[in-house]
């Protein structure tokens, strides 16, 4: 089972996909894919912690809420995140994101993530026993 993330193209928007041994790891990797849409992950220092709580009826809607919560924190705190920790308890997510304030010269943001959509939304266990989470974000 490989942990990681990737982007997939979707018309004018951007697809995020995260992989992990557990749903939690897949959510964490999807968070990394979100940041990698905006800037190079290696340029973001995980200096400050921000906690996030979400609740939704199922894992797919929880992924959308997680990504939207991260987009909100990025916008309101003017931060980027490069490390994530997620704990799932039924329909509740408790997560943390570590990052730093945006520095235009250092991070050179490429786009602004506006929010997660329900397009191509999927959270599932894969044949190899790992998990995958994906959604499309407006940029």
Protein backbone atom coordinates (compact mmCIF):
# COMPACT_ATOMS: atom_id res chain seq x y z
CA UNK A 1 0.00 0.00 0.00
CA UNK A 2 1.43 3.33 -1.07
CA UNK A 3 0.76 6.58 0.72
CA UNK A 4 0.75 9.65 -1.49
CA UNK A 5 -1.22 12.17 -3.43
CA UNK A 6 -1.76 13.33 -6.99
CA UNK A 7 -3.64 15.85 -9.05
CA UNK A 8 -5.95 14.99 -11.89
CA UNK A 9 -7.22 17.49 -14.42
CA UNK A 10 -10.87 18.35 -14.61
CA UNK A 11 -11.90 21.03 -17.10
CA UNK A 12 -10.99 24.44 -15.57
CA UNK A 13 -10.74 23.04 -12.04
CA UNK A 14 -8.27 20.73 -10.27
CA UNK A 15 -8.79 17.20 -8.98
CA UNK A 16 -7.22 16.13 -5.70
CA UNK A 17 -6.53 12.51 -4.85
CA UNK A 18 -4.99 11.10 -1.69
CA UNK A 19 -3.93 7.52 -0.91
CA UNK A 20 -3.20 5.85 2.40
CA UNK A 21 -3.40 2.68 4.43
CA UNK A 22 -6.44 4.12 6.24
CA UNK A 23 -9.15 6.66 5.42
CA UNK A 24 -7.36 9.06 7.79
CA UNK A 25 -4.13 8.82 5.79
CA UNK A 26 -6.03 9.31 2.53
CA UNK A 27 -7.61 12.49 3.97
CA UNK A 28 -4.18 13.74 5.12
CA UNK A 29 -2.72 13.13 1.67
CA UNK A 30 -5.65 14.93 0.04
CA UNK A 31 -4.78 17.91 2.24
CA UNK A 32 -1.24 17.80 0.87
CA UNK A 33 -2.64 17.72 -2.68
CA UNK A 34 -4.66 20.85 -1.83
CA UNK A 35 -1.57 22.77 -0.74
CA UNK A 36 0.40 21.47 -3.73
CA UNK A 37 -2.23 23.07 -5.96
CA UNK A 38 -1.23 26.47 -4.56
CA UNK A 39 2.54 26.14 -4.03
CA UNK A 40 5.49 23.76 -3.75
CA UNK A 41 4.97 21.70 -0.58
CA UNK A 42 8.66 21.86 0.32
CA UNK A 43 8.44 25.65 0.59
CA UNK A 44 5.92 25.53 3.48
CA UNK A 45 7.30 25.16 7.01
CA UNK A 46 4.99 23.34 9.47
CA UNK A 47 5.50 25.94 12.22
CA UNK A 48 1.96 26.75 13.43
CA UNK A 49 -0.84 24.31 14.25
CA UNK A 50 -4.50 24.89 13.43
CA UNK A 51 -7.17 22.45 14.63
CA UNK A 52 -10.21 21.57 12.50
CA UNK A 53 -13.42 19.74 13.40
CA UNK A 54 -15.97 18.45 10.87
CA UNK A 55 -19.04 16.26 10.90
CA UNK A 56 -20.95 14.77 7.94
CA UNK A 57 -23.28 11.83 7.22
CA UNK A 58 -20.66 9.79 5.30
CA UNK A 59 -16.96 9.66 4.41
CA UNK A 60 -17.40 11.34 1.03
CA UNK A 61 -19.20 14.37 2.44
CA UNK A 62 -16.68 14.41 5.29
CA UNK A 63 -13.85 14.70 2.75
CA UNK A 64 -15.57 17.72 1.17
CA UNK A 65 -16.05 19.28 4.61
CA UNK A 66 -12.37 18.61 5.49
CA UNK A 67 -11.08 20.23 2.29
CA UNK A 68 -13.49 23.16 2.65
CA UNK A 69 -12.41 23.66 6.27
CA UNK A 70 -8.77 23.75 5.13
CA UNK A 71 -9.61 26.23 2.35
CA UNK A 72 -11.38 28.41 4.93
CA UNK A 73 -8.40 28.30 7.31
CA UNK A 74 -6.01 29.09 4.46
CA UNK A 75 -8.11 32.10 3.40
CA UNK A 76 -8.95 33.58 6.79
CA UNK A 77 -5.56 33.01 8.43
CA UNK A 78 -3.65 33.70 5.19
CA UNK A 79 -1.70 30.47 5.74
CA UNK A 80 -0.48 27.45 3.81
CA UNK A 81 -0.20 23.98 5.35
CA UNK A 82 2.35 21.22 4.74
CA UNK A 83 1.51 18.64 7.41
CA UNK A 84 -1.82 17.13 8.46
CA UNK A 85 -3.15 14.72 11.08
CA UNK A 86 -6.68 13.31 10.89
CA UNK A 87 -8.65 11.21 13.35
CA UNK A 88 -12.02 9.80 12.30
CA UNK A 89 -14.63 8.72 14.80
CA UNK A 90 -17.73 7.60 12.93
CA UNK A 91 -19.04 10.69 11.14
CA UNK A 92 -16.73 13.09 13.01
CA UNK A 93 -13.32 14.29 11.95
CA UNK A 94 -10.80 15.87 14.29
CA UNK A 95 -7.81 17.16 12.42
CA UNK A 96 -4.79 19.38 12.68
CA UNK A 97 -2.89 21.25 10.00
CA UNK A 98 0.60 22.70 10.43
CA UNK A 99 1.90 25.49 8.29
CA UNK A 100 2.95 29.11 8.11
CA UNK A 101 1.65 32.49 6.91
CA UNK A 102 1.81 33.02 3.17
CA UNK A 103 4.94 34.83 2.04
CA UNK A 104 4.50 35.79 -1.62
CA UNK A 105 8.24 35.83 -2.40
CA UNK A 106 8.83 32.46 -0.72
CA UNK A 107 5.68 30.54 -1.71
CA UNK A 108 4.83 32.20 -5.06
CA UNK A 109 1.17 31.05 -4.92
CA UNK A 110 -0.01 29.88 -8.33
CA UNK A 111 -3.79 29.86 -7.74
CA UNK A 112 -6.32 30.38 -4.99
CA UNK A 113 -8.30 27.32 -3.91
CA UNK A 114 -11.93 28.41 -3.60
CA UNK A 115 -13.55 25.22 -2.32
CA UNK A 116 -14.26 21.53 -2.76
CA UNK A 117 -17.08 20.35 -4.99
CA UNK A 118 -19.05 17.12 -5.22
CA UNK A 119 -17.64 16.49 -8.70
CA UNK A 120 -15.79 13.15 -8.96
CA UNK A 121 -16.21 12.79 -5.18
CA UNK A 122 -15.14 9.38 -3.91
CA UNK A 123 -13.74 7.78 -0.77
CA UNK A 124 -13.22 4.05 -1.05
CA UNK A 125 -11.16 1.06 -0.06
CA UNK A 126 -9.07 -0.17 -2.97
CA UNK A 127 -8.26 -3.69 -4.11
CA UNK A 128 -4.81 -3.50 -2.46
CA UNK A 129 -6.45 -2.81 0.92
CA UNK A 130 -5.50 0.86 0.94
CA UNK A 131 -7.82 3.84 0.80
CA UNK A 132 -8.34 6.59 -1.74
CA UNK A 133 -10.10 9.93 -1.34
CA UNK A 134 -10.73 12.32 -4.20
CA UNK A 135 -12.65 15.44 -5.07
CA UNK A 136 -12.44 18.41 -7.41
CA UNK A 137 -11.75 21.91 -6.14
CA UNK A 138 -12.64 25.24 -7.72
CA UNK A 139 -9.53 27.30 -8.41
